[in-house]
Amino acid sequence: FPEAKPEDLLSTVMVPDLAPQQPGDAVMDRASRIAGVAKTVLA
């Protein structure tokens, strides 16, 4: 999210998908987004 700012991190993390296809998709995609941070930690 090129426009994201450090002080807006929470809203950036929690932004839902634009077009969820199934019930719960936005929640699962948000979970995957959070899980993606693990690669940065492991690195």
PDB file of all heavy atoms in Angstrom:
ATOM      1  N   PHE A   1       0.866  -1.184   0.000  1.00  0.00           N
ATOM      2  CA  PHE A   1       0.000   0.000   0.000  1.00  0.00           C
ATOM      3  C   PHE A   1       0.908   1.241   0.000  1.00  0.00           C
ATOM      4  O   PHE A   1       1.250   1.769   1.066  1.00  0.00           O
ATOM      5  CB  PHE A   1      -0.904   0.008   1.232  1.00  0.00           C
ATOM      6  CG  PHE A   1      -1.737  -1.235   1.392  1.00  0.00           C
ATOM      7  CD1 PHE A   1      -1.295  -2.282   2.198  1.00  0.00           C
ATOM      8  CD2 PHE A   1      -2.949  -1.377   0.734  1.00  0.00           C
ATOM      9  CE1 PHE A   1      -2.050  -3.429   2.354  1.00  0.00           C
ATOM     10  CE2 PHE A   1      -3.701  -2.515   0.882  1.00  0.00           C
ATOM     11  CZ  PHE A   1      -3.257  -3.551   1.690  1.00  0.00           C
ATOM     12  N   PRO A   2       1.336   1.699  -1.177  1.00  0.00           N
ATOM     13  CA  PRO A   2       2.320   2.783  -1.275  1.00  0.00           C
ATOM     14  C   PRO A   2       1.946   4.051  -0.521  1.00  0.00           C
ATOM     15  O   PRO A   2       2.826   4.803  -0.098  1.00  0.00           O
ATOM     16  CB  PRO A   2       2.404   3.041  -2.786  1.00  0.00           C
ATOM     17  CG  PRO A   2       2.005   1.741  -3.410  1.00  0.00           C
ATOM     18  CD  PRO A   2       0.962   1.173  -2.499  1.00  0.00           C
ATOM     19  N   GLU A   3       0.655   4.296  -0.345  1.00  0.00           N
ATOM     20  CA  GLU A   3       0.230   5.527   0.313  1.00  0.00           C
ATOM     21  C   GLU A   3       0.200   5.397   1.833  1.00  0.00           C
ATOM     22  O   GLU A   3      -0.066   6.367   2.553  1.00  0.00           O
ATOM     23  CB  GLU A   3      -1.170   5.933  -0.179  1.00  0.00           C
ATOM     24  CG  GLU A   3      -1.266   6.136  -1.694  1.00  0.00           C
ATOM     25  CD  GLU A   3      -0.320   7.219  -2.185  1.00  0.00           C
ATOM     26  OE1 GLU A   3      -0.186   8.238  -1.481  1.00  0.00           O
ATOM     27  OE2 GLU A   3       0.282   7.036  -3.252  1.00  0.00           O
ATOM     28  N   ALA A   4       0.473   4.184   2.355  1.00  0.00           N
ATOM     29  CA  ALA A   4       0.369   3.956   3.798  1.00  0.00           C
ATOM     30  C   ALA A   4       1.430   4.746   4.557  1.00  0.00           C
ATOM     31  O   ALA A   4       2.563   4.897   4.104  1.00  0.00           O
ATOM     32  CB  ALA A   4       0.500   2.472   4.101  1.00  0.00           C
ATOM     33  N   LYS A   5       1.058   5.216   5.742  1.00  0.00           N
ATOM     34  CA  LYS A   5       1.982   5.944   6.616  1.00  0.00           C
ATOM     35  C   LYS A   5       2.118   5.181   7.931  1.00  0.00           C
ATOM     36  O   LYS A   5       1.172   4.505   8.359  1.00  0.00           O
ATOM     37  CB  LYS A   5       1.453   7.355   6.879  1.00  0.00           C
ATOM     38  CG  LYS A   5       1.308   8.203   5.615  1.00  0.00           C
ATOM     39  CD  LYS A   5       0.726   9.567   5.935  1.00  0.00           C
ATOM     40  CE  LYS A   5       0.560  10.395   4.658  1.00  0.00           C
ATOM     41  NZ  LYS A   5      -0.056  11.718   4.948  1.00  0.00           N
ATOM     42  N   PRO A   6       3.270   5.269   8.594  1.00  0.00           N
ATOM     43  CA  PRO A   6       3.460   4.529   9.853  1.00  0.00           C
ATOM     44  C   PRO A   6       2.362   4.787  10.874  1.00  0.00           C
ATOM     45  O   PRO A   6       1.912   3.868  11.558  1.00  0.00           O
ATOM     46  CB  PRO A   6       4.819   5.048  10.343  1.00  0.00           C
ATOM     47  CG  PRO A   6       5.545   5.430   9.090  1.00  0.00           C
ATOM     48  CD  PRO A   6       4.487   5.984   8.186  1.00  0.00           C
ATOM     49  N   GLU A   7       1.913   6.043  10.970  1.00  0.00           N
ATOM     50  CA  GLU A   7       0.889   6.357  11.973  1.00  0.00           C
ATOM     51  C   GLU A   7      -0.483   5.782  11.603  1.00  0.00           C
ATOM     52  O   GLU A   7      -1.400   5.775  12.429  1.00  0.00           O
ATOM     53  CB  GLU A   7       0.787   7.875  12.179  1.00  0.00           C
ATOM     54  CG  GLU A   7       0.437   8.665  10.925  1.00  0.00           C
ATOM     55  CD  GLU A   7       1.674   9.170  10.199  1.00  0.00           C
ATOM     56  OE1 GLU A   7       2.744   8.536  10.328  1.00  0.00           O
ATOM     57  OE2 GLU A   7       1.572  10.202   9.523  1.00  0.00           O
ATOM     58  N   ASP A   8      -0.633   5.294  10.371  1.00  0.00           N
ATOM     59  CA  ASP A   8      -1.904   4.703   9.931  1.00  0.00           C
ATOM     60  C   ASP A   8      -1.804   3.181   9.805  1.00  0.00           C
ATOM     61  O   ASP A   8      -2.579   2.551   9.087  1.00  0.00           O
ATOM     62  CB  ASP A   8      -2.317   5.290   8.568  1.00  0.00           C
ATOM     63  CG  ASP A   8      -2.576   6.783   8.638  1.00  0.00           C
ATOM     64  OD1 ASP A   8      -3.024   7.244   9.698  1.00  0.00           O
ATOM     65  OD2 ASP A   8      -2.322   7.472   7.632  1.00  0.00           O
ATOM     66  N   LEU A   9      -0.842   2.566  10.487  1.00  0.00           N
ATOM     67  CA  LEU A   9      -0.584   1.138  10.309  1.00  0.00           C
ATOM     68  C   LEU A   9      -1.814   0.286  10.598  1.00  0.00           C
ATOM     69  O   LEU A   9      -2.122  -0.650   9.853  1.00  0.00           O
ATOM     70  CB  LEU A   9       0.580   0.696  11.207  1.00  0.00           C
ATOM     71  CG  LEU A   9       0.922  -0.793  11.146  1.00  0.00           C
ATOM     72  CD1 LEU A   9       1.341  -1.197   9.738  1.00  0.00           C
ATOM     73  CD2 LEU A   9       2.016  -1.140  12.155  1.00  0.00           C
ATOM     74  N   LEU A  10      -2.549   0.588  11.668  1.00  0.00           N
ATOM     75  CA  LEU A  10      -3.686  -0.250  12.036  1.00  0.00           C
ATOM     76  C   LEU A  10      -4.733  -0.297  10.929  1.00  0.00           C
ATOM     77  O   LEU A  10      -5.211  -1.374  10.555  1.00  0.00           O
ATOM     78  CB  LEU A  10      -4.323   0.247  13.342  1.00  0.00           C
ATOM     79  CG  LEU A  10      -5.519  -0.582  13.842  1.00  0.00           C
ATOM     80  CD1 LEU A  10      -5.091  -2.015  14.118  1.00  0.00           C
ATOM     81  CD2 LEU A  10      -6.118   0.048  15.091  1.00  0.00           C
ATOM     82  N   SER A  11      -5.098   0.863  10.393  1.00  0.00           N
ATOM     83  CA  SER A  11      -6.109   0.880   9.336  1.00  0.00           C
ATOM     84  C   SER A  11      -5.588   0.195   8.077  1.00  0.00           C
ATOM     85  O   SER A  11      -6.351  -0.418   7.329  1.00  0.00           O
ATOM     86  CB  SER A  11      -6.523   2.320   9.019  1.00  0.00           C
ATOM     87  OG  SER A  11      -5.399   3.091   8.610  1.00  0.00           O
ATOM     88  N   THR A  12      -4.271   0.251   7.843  1.00  0.00           N
ATOM     89  CA  THR A  12      -3.691  -0.431   6.679  1.00  0.00           C
ATOM     90  C   THR A  12      -3.789  -1.939   6.840  1.00  0.00           C
ATOM     91  O   THR A  12      -4.141  -2.659   5.901  1.00  0.00           O
ATOM     92  CB  THR A  12      -2.217  -0.027   6.502  1.00  0.00           C
ATOM     93  OG1 THR A  12      -2.141   1.388   6.350  1.00  0.00           O
ATOM     94  CG2 THR A  12      -1.618  -0.700   5.274  1.00  0.00           C
ATOM     95  N   VAL A  13      -3.483  -2.429   8.039  1.00  0.00           N
ATOM     96  CA  VAL A  13      -3.547  -3.870   8.299  1.00  0.00           C
ATOM     97  C   VAL A  13      -4.973  -4.381   8.194  1.00  0.00           C
ATOM     98  O   VAL A  13      -5.230  -5.467   7.650  1.00  0.00           O
ATOM     99  CB  VAL A  13      -2.982  -4.190   9.704  1.00  0.00           C
ATOM    100  CG1 VAL A  13      -3.229  -5.662  10.055  1.00  0.00           C
ATOM    101  CG2 VAL A  13      -1.500  -3.879   9.765  1.00  0.00           C
ATOM    102  N   MET A  14      -5.923  -3.617   8.673  1.00  0.00           N
ATOM    103  CA  MET A  14      -7.303  -4.093   8.778  1.00  0.00           C
ATOM    104  C   MET A  14      -8.152  -3.808   7.550  1.00  0.00           C
ATOM    105  O   MET A  14      -9.326  -4.184   7.515  1.00  0.00           O
ATOM    106  CB  MET A  14      -7.978  -3.458  10.004  1.00  0.00           C
ATOM    107  CG  MET A  14      -7.262  -3.746  11.318  1.00  0.00           C
ATOM    108  SD  MET A  14      -7.039  -5.514  11.624  1.00  0.00           S
ATOM    109  CE  MET A  14      -8.717  -5.973  12.037  1.00  0.00           C
ATOM    110  N   VAL A  15      -7.576  -3.175   6.517  1.00  0.00           N
ATOM    111  CA  VAL A  15      -8.380  -2.879   5.330  1.00  0.00           C
ATOM    112  C   VAL A  15      -8.898  -4.183   4.731  1.00  0.00           C
ATOM    113  O   VAL A  15      -8.150  -5.138   4.554  1.00  0.00           O
ATOM    114  CB  VAL A  15      -7.563  -2.089   4.289  1.00  0.00           C
ATOM    115  CG1 VAL A  15      -6.384  -2.881   3.771  1.00  0.00           C
ATOM    116  CG2 VAL A  15      -8.443  -1.672   3.116  1.00  0.00           C
ATOM    117  N   PRO A  16     -10.201  -4.285   4.464  1.00  0.00           N
ATOM    118  CA  PRO A  16     -10.738  -5.533   3.897  1.00  0.00           C
ATOM    119  C   PRO A  16     -10.468  -5.615   2.407  1.00  0.00           C
ATOM    120  O   PRO A  16     -10.072  -4.632   1.774  1.00  0.00           O
ATOM    121  CB  PRO A  16     -12.244  -5.413   4.163  1.00  0.00           C
ATOM    122  CG  PRO A  16     -12.495  -3.936   4.139  1.00  0.00           C
ATOM    123  CD  PRO A  16     -11.263  -3.294   4.720  1.00  0.00           C
ATOM    124  N   ASP A  17     -10.679  -6.807   1.848  1.00  0.00           N
ATOM    125  CA  ASP A  17     -10.587  -6.969   0.403  1.00  0.00           C
ATOM    126  C   ASP A  17     -11.681  -6.149  -0.264  1.00  0.00           C
ATOM    127  O   ASP A  17     -12.762  -5.948   0.296  1.00  0.00           O
ATOM    128  CB  ASP A  17     -10.757  -8.440   0.011  1.00  0.00           C
ATOM    129  CG  ASP A  17      -9.420  -9.050  -0.395  1.00  0.00           C
ATOM    130  OD1 ASP A  17      -8.391  -8.503   0.032  1.00  0.00           O
ATOM    131  OD2 ASP A  17      -9.426 -10.053  -1.109  1.00  0.00           O
ATOM    132  N   LEU A  18     -11.414  -5.712  -1.490  1.00  0.00           N
ATOM    133  CA  LEU A  18     -12.393  -4.893  -2.200  1.00  0.00           C
ATOM    134  C   LEU A  18     -13.599  -5.699  -2.649  1.00  0.00           C
ATOM    135  O   LEU A  18     -14.703  -5.202  -2.699  1.00  0.00           O
ATOM    136  CB  LEU A  18     -11.731  -4.241  -3.422  1.00  0.00           C
ATOM    137  CG  LEU A  18     -10.629  -3.231  -3.088  1.00  0.00           C
ATOM    138  CD1 LEU A  18      -9.996  -2.711  -4.372  1.00  0.00           C
ATOM    139  CD2 LEU A  18     -11.187  -2.089  -2.256  1.00  0.00           C
ATOM    140  N   ALA A  19     -13.402  -6.964  -2.996  1.00  0.00           N
ATOM    141  CA  ALA A  19     -14.503  -7.778  -3.535  1.00  0.00           C
ATOM    142  C   ALA A  19     -14.429  -9.199  -2.997  1.00  0.00           C
ATOM    143  O   ALA A  19     -14.070 -10.125  -3.711  1.00  0.00           O
ATOM    144  CB  ALA A  19     -14.461  -7.786  -5.052  1.00  0.00           C
ATOM    145  N   PRO A  20     -14.785  -9.411  -1.717  1.00  0.00           N
ATOM    146  CA  PRO A  20     -14.779 -10.777  -1.187  1.00  0.00           C
ATOM    147  C   PRO A  20     -15.756 -11.651  -1.930  1.00  0.00           C
ATOM    148  O   PRO A  20     -16.860 -11.230  -2.268  1.00  0.00           O
ATOM    149  CB  PRO A  20     -15.195 -10.582   0.282  1.00  0.00           C
ATOM    150  CG  PRO A  20     -15.881  -9.257   0.329  1.00  0.00           C
ATOM    151  CD  PRO A  20     -15.234  -8.423  -0.723  1.00  0.00           C
ATOM    152  N   GLN A  21     -15.361 -12.894  -2.214  1.00  0.00           N
ATOM    153  CA  GLN A  21     -16.177 -13.799  -3.015  1.00  0.00           C
ATOM    154  C   GLN A  21     -17.086 -14.692  -2.187  1.00  0.00           C
ATOM    155  O   GLN A  21     -18.100 -15.169  -2.664  1.00  0.00           O
ATOM    156  CB  GLN A  21     -15.258 -14.681  -3.875  1.00  0.00           C
ATOM    157  CG  GLN A  21     -14.392 -13.887  -4.842  1.00  0.00           C
ATOM    158  CD  GLN A  21     -15.221 -13.129  -5.852  1.00  0.00           C
ATOM    159  OE1 GLN A  21     -16.096 -13.697  -6.511  1.00  0.00           O
ATOM    160  NE2 GLN A  21     -14.980 -11.842  -5.959  1.00  0.00           N
ATOM    161  N   GLN A  22     -16.695 -14.966  -0.937  1.00  0.00           N
ATOM    162  CA  GLN A  22     -17.460 -15.868  -0.095  1.00  0.00           C
ATOM    163  C   GLN A  22     -17.625 -15.247   1.278  1.00  0.00           C
ATOM    164  O   GLN A  22     -16.826 -14.405   1.698  1.00  0.00           O
ATOM    165  CB  GLN A  22     -16.736 -17.224   0.054  1.00  0.00           C
ATOM    166  CG  GLN A  22     -16.507 -17.959  -1.254  1.00  0.00           C
ATOM    167  CD  GLN A  22     -17.787 -18.561  -1.793  1.00  0.00           C
ATOM    168  OE1 GLN A  22     -18.757 -18.778  -1.071  1.00  0.00           O
ATOM    169  NE2 GLN A  22     -17.808 -18.841  -3.087  1.00  0.00           N
ATOM    170  N   PRO A  23     -18.655 -15.653   2.038  1.00  0.00           N
ATOM    171  CA  PRO A  23     -18.788 -15.163   3.403  1.00  0.00           C
ATOM    172  C   PRO A  23     -17.505 -15.448   4.175  1.00  0.00           C
ATOM    173  O   PRO A  23     -16.987 -16.558   4.170  1.00  0.00           O
ATOM    174  CB  PRO A  23     -19.974 -15.976   3.944  1.00  0.00           C
ATOM    175  CG  PRO A  23     -20.756 -16.345   2.729  1.00  0.00           C
ATOM    176  CD  PRO A  23     -19.740 -16.564   1.647  1.00  0.00           C
ATOM    177  N   GLY A  24     -16.976 -14.416   4.851  1.00  0.00           N
ATOM    178  CA  GLY A  24     -15.771 -14.605   5.645  1.00  0.00           C
ATOM    179  C   GLY A  24     -14.482 -14.364   4.897  1.00  0.00           C
ATOM    180  O   GLY A  24     -13.410 -14.376   5.489  1.00  0.00           O
ATOM    181  N   ASP A  25     -14.553 -14.133   3.596  1.00  0.00           N
ATOM    182  CA  ASP A  25     -13.329 -13.959   2.814  1.00  0.00           C
ATOM    183  C   ASP A  25     -12.499 -12.780   3.318  1.00  0.00           C
ATOM    184  O   ASP A  25     -11.285 -12.876   3.425  1.00  0.00           O
ATOM    185  CB  ASP A  25     -13.659 -13.722   1.338  1.00  0.00           C
ATOM    186  CG  ASP A  25     -13.731 -15.032   0.567  1.00  0.00           C
ATOM    187  OD1 ASP A  25     -13.654 -16.080   1.217  1.00  0.00           O
ATOM    188  OD2 ASP A  25     -13.865 -14.992  -0.663  1.00  0.00           O
ATOM    189  N   ALA A  26     -13.152 -11.669   3.634  1.00  0.00           N
ATOM    190  CA  ALA A  26     -12.399 -10.502   4.069  1.00  0.00           C
ATOM    191  C   ALA A  26     -11.639 -10.802   5.348  1.00  0.00           C
ATOM    192  O   ALA A  26     -10.494 -10.401   5.533  1.00  0.00           O
ATOM    193  CB  ALA A  26     -13.341  -9.307   4.273  1.00  0.00           C
ATOM    194  N   VAL A  27     -12.256 -11.552   6.273  1.00  0.00           N
ATOM    195  CA  VAL A  27     -11.607 -11.901   7.530  1.00  0.00           C
ATOM    196  C   VAL A  27     -10.412 -12.804   7.260  1.00  0.00           C
ATOM    197  O   VAL A  27      -9.315 -12.610   7.764  1.00  0.00           O
ATOM    198  CB  VAL A  27     -12.602 -12.595   8.479  1.00  0.00           C
ATOM    199  CG1 VAL A  27     -11.886 -13.107   9.714  1.00  0.00           C
ATOM    200  CG2 VAL A  27     -13.707 -11.627   8.879  1.00  0.00           C
ATOM    201  N   MET A  28     -10.586 -13.825   6.423  1.00  0.00           N
ATOM    202  CA  MET A  28      -9.494 -14.743   6.131  1.00  0.00           C
ATOM    203  C   MET A  28      -8.365 -14.021   5.393  1.00  0.00           C
ATOM    204  O   MET A  28      -7.192 -14.273   5.662  1.00  0.00           O
ATOM    205  CB  MET A  28     -10.000 -15.906   5.300  1.00  0.00           C
ATOM    206  CG  MET A  28     -10.911 -16.850   6.064  1.00  0.00           C
ATOM    207  SD  MET A  28     -10.155 -17.495   7.558  1.00  0.00           S
ATOM    208  CE  MET A  28      -8.809 -18.441   6.865  1.00  0.00           C
ATOM    209  N   ASP A  29      -8.690 -13.125   4.500  1.00  0.00           N
ATOM    210  CA  ASP A  29      -7.656 -12.401   3.786  1.00  0.00           C
ATOM    211  C   ASP A  29      -6.881 -11.502   4.738  1.00  0.00           C
ATOM    212  O   ASP A  29      -5.687 -11.302   4.592  1.00  0.00           O
ATOM    213  CB  ASP A  29      -8.272 -11.585   2.654  1.00  0.00           C
ATOM    214  CG  ASP A  29      -8.710 -12.473   1.495  1.00  0.00           C
ATOM    215  OD1 ASP A  29      -8.185 -13.582   1.388  1.00  0.00           O
ATOM    216  OD2 ASP A  29      -9.579 -12.045   0.727  1.00  0.00           O
ATOM    217  N   ARG A  30      -7.574 -10.936   5.709  1.00  0.00           N
ATOM    218  CA  ARG A  30      -6.909 -10.112   6.711  1.00  0.00           C
ATOM    219  C   ARG A  30      -5.982 -10.983   7.555  1.00  0.00           C
ATOM    220  O   ARG A  30      -4.860 -10.585   7.892  1.00  0.00           O
ATOM    221  CB  ARG A  30      -7.947  -9.426   7.594  1.00  0.00           C
ATOM    222  CG  ARG A  30      -7.405  -8.273   8.417  1.00  0.00           C
ATOM    223  CD  ARG A  30      -8.514  -7.625   9.219  1.00  0.00           C
ATOM    224  NE  ARG A  30      -9.514  -7.032   8.351  1.00  0.00           N
ATOM    225  CZ  ARG A  30     -10.831  -7.241   8.475  1.00  0.00           C
ATOM    226  NH1 ARG A  30     -11.292  -8.049   9.399  1.00  0.00           N
ATOM    227  NH2 ARG A  30     -11.667  -6.655   7.654  1.00  0.00           N
ATOM    228  N   ALA A  31      -6.432 -12.198   7.877  1.00  0.00           N
ATOM    229  CA  ALA A  31      -5.591 -13.118   8.632  1.00  0.00           C
ATOM    230  C   ALA A  31      -4.339 -13.466   7.831  1.00  0.00           C
ATOM    231  O   ALA A  31      -3.228 -13.521   8.375  1.00  0.00           O
ATOM    232  CB  ALA A  31      -6.374 -14.383   8.980  1.00  0.00           C
ATOM    233  N   SER A  32      -4.499 -13.697   6.535  1.00  0.00           N
ATOM    234  CA  SER A  32      -3.344 -14.001   5.686  1.00  0.00           C
ATOM    235  C   SER A  32      -2.406 -12.805   5.609  1.00  0.00           C
ATOM    236  O   SER A  32      -1.184 -12.958   5.554  1.00  0.00           O
ATOM    237  CB  SER A  32      -3.816 -14.385   4.281  1.00  0.00           C
ATOM    238  OG  SER A  32      -4.621 -15.539   4.319  1.00  0.00           O
ATOM    239  N   ARG A  33      -2.990 -11.599   5.596  1.00  0.00           N
ATOM    240  CA  ARG A  33      -2.167 -10.393   5.551  1.00  0.00           C
ATOM    241  C   ARG A  33      -1.308 -10.275   6.812  1.00  0.00           C
ATOM    242  O   ARG A  33      -0.123  -9.926   6.746  1.00  0.00           O
ATOM    243  CB  ARG A  33      -3.081  -9.173   5.411  1.00  0.00           C
ATOM    244  CG  ARG A  33      -2.363  -7.885   5.061  1.00  0.00           C
ATOM    245  CD  ARG A  33      -3.349  -6.743   4.907  1.00  0.00           C
ATOM    246  NE  ARG A  33      -4.315  -7.045   3.865  1.00  0.00           N
ATOM    247  CZ  ARG A  33      -5.624  -6.841   3.966  1.00  0.00           C
ATOM    248  NH1 ARG A  33      -6.121  -6.332   5.073  1.00  0.00           N
ATOM    249  NH2 ARG A  33      -6.427  -7.126   2.982  1.00  0.00           N
ATOM    250  N   ILE A  34      -1.911 -10.600   7.947  1.00  0.00           N
ATOM    251  CA  ILE A  34      -1.159 -10.561   9.205  1.00  0.00           C
ATOM    252  C   ILE A  34      -0.098 -11.664   9.214  1.00  0.00           C
ATOM    253  O   ILE A  34       1.045 -11.447   9.624  1.00  0.00           O
ATOM    254  CB  ILE A  34      -2.118 -10.700  10.402  1.00  0.00           C
ATOM    255  CG1 ILE A  34      -3.006  -9.452  10.497  1.00  0.00           C
ATOM    256  CG2 ILE A  34      -1.352 -10.901  11.707  1.00  0.00           C
ATOM    257  CD1 ILE A  34      -4.132  -9.557  11.512  1.00  0.00           C
ATOM    258  N   ALA A  35      -0.477 -12.858   8.756  1.00  0.00           N
ATOM    259  CA  ALA A  35       0.481 -13.963   8.714  1.00  0.00           C
ATOM    260  C   ALA A  35       1.658 -13.645   7.806  1.00  0.00           C
ATOM    261  O   ALA A  35       2.775 -14.124   8.027  1.00  0.00           O
ATOM    262  CB  ALA A  35      -0.210 -15.240   8.246  1.00  0.00           C
ATOM    263  N   GLY A  36       1.433 -12.836   6.782  1.00  0.00           N
ATOM    264  CA  GLY A  36       2.508 -12.483   5.865  1.00  0.00           C
ATOM    265  C   GLY A  36       3.637 -11.715   6.521  1.00  0.00           C
ATOM    266  O   GLY A  36       4.767 -11.691   6.015  1.00  0.00           O
ATOM    267  N   VAL A  37       3.361 -11.098   7.675  1.00  0.00           N
ATOM    268  CA  VAL A  37       4.394 -10.356   8.403  1.00  0.00           C
ATOM    269  C   VAL A  37       5.460 -11.306   8.946  1.00  0.00           C
ATOM    270  O   VAL A  37       6.609 -10.919   9.162  1.00  0.00           O
ATOM    271  CB  VAL A  37       3.748  -9.546   9.547  1.00  0.00           C
ATOM    272  CG1 VAL A  37       4.797  -8.847  10.398  1.00  0.00           C
ATOM    273  CG2 VAL A  37       2.770  -8.522   8.972  1.00  0.00           C
ATOM    274  N   ALA A  38       5.098 -12.590   9.147  1.00  0.00           N
ATOM    275  CA  ALA A  38       6.040 -13.558   9.716  1.00  0.00           C
ATOM    276  C   ALA A  38       7.301 -13.671   8.868  1.00  0.00           C
ATOM    277  O   ALA A  38       8.402 -13.892   9.397  1.00  0.00           O
ATOM    278  CB  ALA A  38       5.367 -14.924   9.852  1.00  0.00           C
ATOM    279  N   LYS A  39       7.176 -13.528   7.550  1.00  0.00           N
ATOM    280  CA  LYS A  39       8.359 -13.614   6.684  1.00  0.00           C
ATOM    281  C   LYS A  39       9.363 -12.515   7.029  1.00  0.00           C
ATOM    282  O   LYS A  39      10.576 -12.741   7.023  1.00  0.00           O
ATOM    283  CB  LYS A  39       7.939 -13.504   5.217  1.00  0.00           C
ATOM    284  CG  LYS A  39       7.147 -14.686   4.699  1.00  0.00           C
ATOM    285  CD  LYS A  39       6.817 -14.509   3.230  1.00  0.00           C
ATOM    286  CE  LYS A  39       6.028 -15.700   2.703  1.00  0.00           C
ATOM    287  NZ  LYS A  39       5.671 -15.543   1.265  1.00  0.00           N
ATOM    288  N   THR A  40       8.859 -11.322   7.319  1.00  0.00           N
ATOM    289  CA  THR A  40       9.734 -10.214   7.702  1.00  0.00           C
ATOM    290  C   THR A  40      10.433 -10.519   9.014  1.00  0.00           C
ATOM    291  O   THR A  40      11.628 -10.247   9.180  1.00  0.00           O
ATOM    292  CB  THR A  40       8.917  -8.914   7.823  1.00  0.00           C
ATOM    293  OG1 THR A  40       8.315  -8.615   6.562  1.00  0.00           O
ATOM    294  CG2 THR A  40       9.782  -7.748   8.251  1.00  0.00           C
ATOM    295  N   VAL A  41       9.685 -11.111   9.959  1.00  0.00           N
ATOM    296  CA  VAL A  41      10.266 -11.441  11.264  1.00  0.00           C
ATOM    297  C   VAL A  41      11.340 -12.509  11.105  1.00  0.00           C
ATOM    298  O   VAL A  41      12.448 -12.397  11.657  1.00  0.00           O
ATOM    299  CB  VAL A  41       9.166 -11.919  12.235  1.00  0.00           C
ATOM    300  CG1 VAL A  41       9.763 -12.237  13.606  1.00  0.00           C
ATOM    301  CG2 VAL A  41       8.069 -10.861  12.374  1.00  0.00           C
ATOM    302  N   LEU A  42      11.030 -13.564  10.345  1.00  0.00           N
ATOM    303  CA  LEU A  42      11.995 -14.651  10.159  1.00  0.00           C
ATOM    304  C   LEU A  42      13.251 -14.161   9.450  1.00  0.00           C
ATOM    305  O   LEU A  42      14.360 -14.643   9.716  1.00  0.00           O
ATOM    306  CB  LEU A  42      11.356 -15.788   9.355  1.00  0.00           C
ATOM    307  CG  LEU A  42      10.252 -16.576  10.074  1.00  0.00           C
ATOM    308  CD1 LEU A  42       9.565 -17.529   9.102  1.00  0.00           C
ATOM    309  CD2 LEU A  42      10.828 -17.358  11.248  1.00  0.00           C
ATOM    310  N   ALA A  43      13.086 -13.218   8.529  1.00  0.00           N
ATOM    311  CA  ALA A  43      14.239 -12.694   7.793  1.00  0.00           C
ATOM    312  C   ALA A  43      15.204 -11.957   8.715  1.00  0.00           C
ATOM    313  O   ALA A  43      16.397 -11.833   8.404  1.00  0.00           O
ATOM    314  CB  ALA A  43      13.773 -11.763   6.677  1.00  0.00           C
TER     315      ALA A  43
END
